[in-house]
Amino acid sequence: MSDEDAVKARVEVLAKVFTGRLHVRFEKMDAAFALCQADSAQDAHWEELHRLLHSLADAAGSFGFDALGVQASHIALRVTALLAQGQRHAHDIHEIGLALAALQSAR
């Protein structure tokens, strides 16, 4: 097996691990979003949700799940906007929830 084949095989294994653990990432996002809903004024909850989304976007892109990565990145940008505006309205929170549900169903 050539070095190139070995690298490809390793990336395939890592991609399988990524997809196998995707449910864990989504569970963490769901938990973070639940905290955002419960206390929408708490920046730390929104920052954690942003971190999880950004991490997913990076990892998804690394393993060839570009659409998933782009979708996660778009939601992360929406969370950034909510953090910047300082206020979170029920409509904004609802829209983030819908986007997260769509992200999870698209996998």
Protein backbone atom coordinates (compact mmCIF):
# COMPACT_ATOMS: atom_id res chain seq x y z
CA MET A 1 0.00 0.00 0.00
CA SER A 2 1.39 3.38 -0.99
CA ASP A 3 1.64 6.29 1.39
CA GLU A 4 -1.17 8.01 -0.51
CA ASP A 5 -3.41 4.95 -0.15
CA ALA A 6 -2.61 4.77 3.55
CA VAL A 7 -3.58 8.41 4.01
CA LYS A 8 -6.83 7.90 2.09
CA ALA A 9 -7.64 4.85 4.20
CA ARG A 10 -6.96 6.79 7.40
CA VAL A 11 -9.18 9.68 6.28
CA GLU A 12 -11.96 7.20 5.47
CA VAL A 13 -11.68 5.73 8.97
CA LEU A 14 -11.77 9.20 10.52
CA ALA A 15 -14.81 10.12 8.41
CA LYS A 16 -16.61 7.01 9.66
CA VAL A 17 -15.76 7.93 13.24
CA PHE A 18 -17.04 11.46 12.56
CA THR A 19 -20.36 10.21 11.22
CA GLY A 20 -20.65 7.64 13.99
CA ARG A 21 -20.28 10.34 16.64
CA LEU A 22 -22.41 12.95 14.90
CA HIS A 23 -25.35 12.13 17.17
CA VAL A 24 -23.22 13.11 20.17
CA ARG A 25 -22.49 16.49 18.61
CA PHE A 26 -26.20 17.01 17.96
CA GLU A 27 -27.09 16.03 21.53
CA LYS A 28 -24.62 18.62 22.84
CA MET A 29 -26.08 21.25 20.51
CA ASP A 30 -29.60 20.37 21.65
CA ALA A 31 -28.55 20.73 25.28
CA ALA A 32 -26.84 24.07 24.61
CA PHE A 33 -29.86 25.34 22.69
CA ALA A 34 -32.19 24.26 25.51
CA LEU A 35 -30.12 26.46 27.85
CA CYS A 36 -30.37 29.30 25.32
CA GLN A 37 -34.14 28.93 25.29
CA ALA A 38 -34.37 28.76 29.09
CA ASP A 39 -32.21 31.85 29.64
CA SER A 40 -31.88 33.69 26.36
CA ALA A 41 -30.10 36.65 27.95
CA GLN A 42 -27.15 34.51 29.05
CA ASP A 43 -24.37 35.04 26.49
CA ALA A 44 -22.43 32.00 27.72
CA HIS A 45 -25.15 29.65 26.49
CA TRP A 46 -25.15 31.24 23.04
CA GLU A 47 -21.34 31.23 22.95
CA GLU A 48 -21.32 27.49 23.70
CA LEU A 49 -23.86 26.83 20.95
CA HIS A 50 -21.73 28.90 18.58
CA ARG A 51 -18.60 26.94 19.55
CA LEU A 52 -20.34 23.62 18.90
CA LEU A 53 -21.65 24.79 15.53
CA HIS A 54 -18.28 26.18 14.49
CA SER A 55 -16.57 22.95 15.51
CA LEU A 56 -19.08 20.92 13.50
CA ALA A 57 -18.61 23.17 10.47
CA ASP A 58 -14.84 22.71 10.57
CA ALA A 59 -14.96 18.96 11.09
CA ALA A 60 -17.65 18.38 8.47
CA GLY A 61 -15.65 20.24 5.87
CA SER A 62 -12.53 18.28 6.74
CA PHE A 63 -14.25 14.96 6.11
CA GLY A 64 -16.06 15.85 2.90
CA PHE A 65 -19.46 16.73 4.38
CA ASP A 66 -19.38 20.17 2.84
CA ALA A 67 -23.13 20.82 2.82
CA LEU A 68 -23.39 19.96 6.51
CA GLY A 69 -20.44 22.22 7.25
CA VAL A 70 -21.92 25.13 5.31
CA GLN A 71 -25.27 24.71 7.03
CA ALA A 72 -23.64 24.64 10.48
CA SER A 73 -21.56 27.69 9.56
CA HIS A 74 -24.67 29.64 8.53
CA ILE A 75 -26.35 28.88 11.85
CA ALA A 76 -23.18 29.86 13.71
CA LEU A 77 -23.26 33.20 11.91
CA ARG A 78 -26.87 33.70 12.96
CA VAL A 79 -25.88 32.99 16.56
CA THR A 80 -23.04 35.51 16.23
CA ALA A 81 -25.55 38.10 15.06
CA LEU A 82 -27.79 37.37 18.05
CA LEU A 83 -24.83 37.80 20.37
CA ALA A 84 -23.90 41.09 18.73
CA GLN A 85 -27.39 42.57 18.97
CA GLY A 86 -27.56 41.80 22.67
CA GLN A 87 -31.25 40.91 22.57
CA ARG A 88 -32.83 37.62 21.64
CA HIS A 89 -36.44 37.78 20.55
CA ALA A 90 -38.73 34.74 20.58
CA HIS A 91 -38.87 34.78 16.78
CA ASP A 92 -35.05 34.70 16.50
CA ILE A 93 -34.81 31.83 18.98
CA HIS A 94 -37.51 29.93 17.13
CA GLU A 95 -35.68 30.41 13.82
CA ILE A 96 -32.44 29.07 15.31
CA GLY A 97 -34.37 26.06 16.61
CA LEU A 98 -35.80 25.38 13.15
CA ALA A 99 -32.35 25.71 11.60
CA LEU A 100 -30.89 23.27 14.12
CA ALA A 101 -33.68 20.77 13.41
CA ALA A 102 -33.05 21.09 9.67
CA LEU A 103 -29.32 20.60 10.25
CA GLN A 104 -29.93 17.37 12.13
CA SER A 105 -32.39 16.01 9.58
CA ALA A 106 -30.05 16.78 6.68
CA ARG A 107 -27.24 14.55 7.83
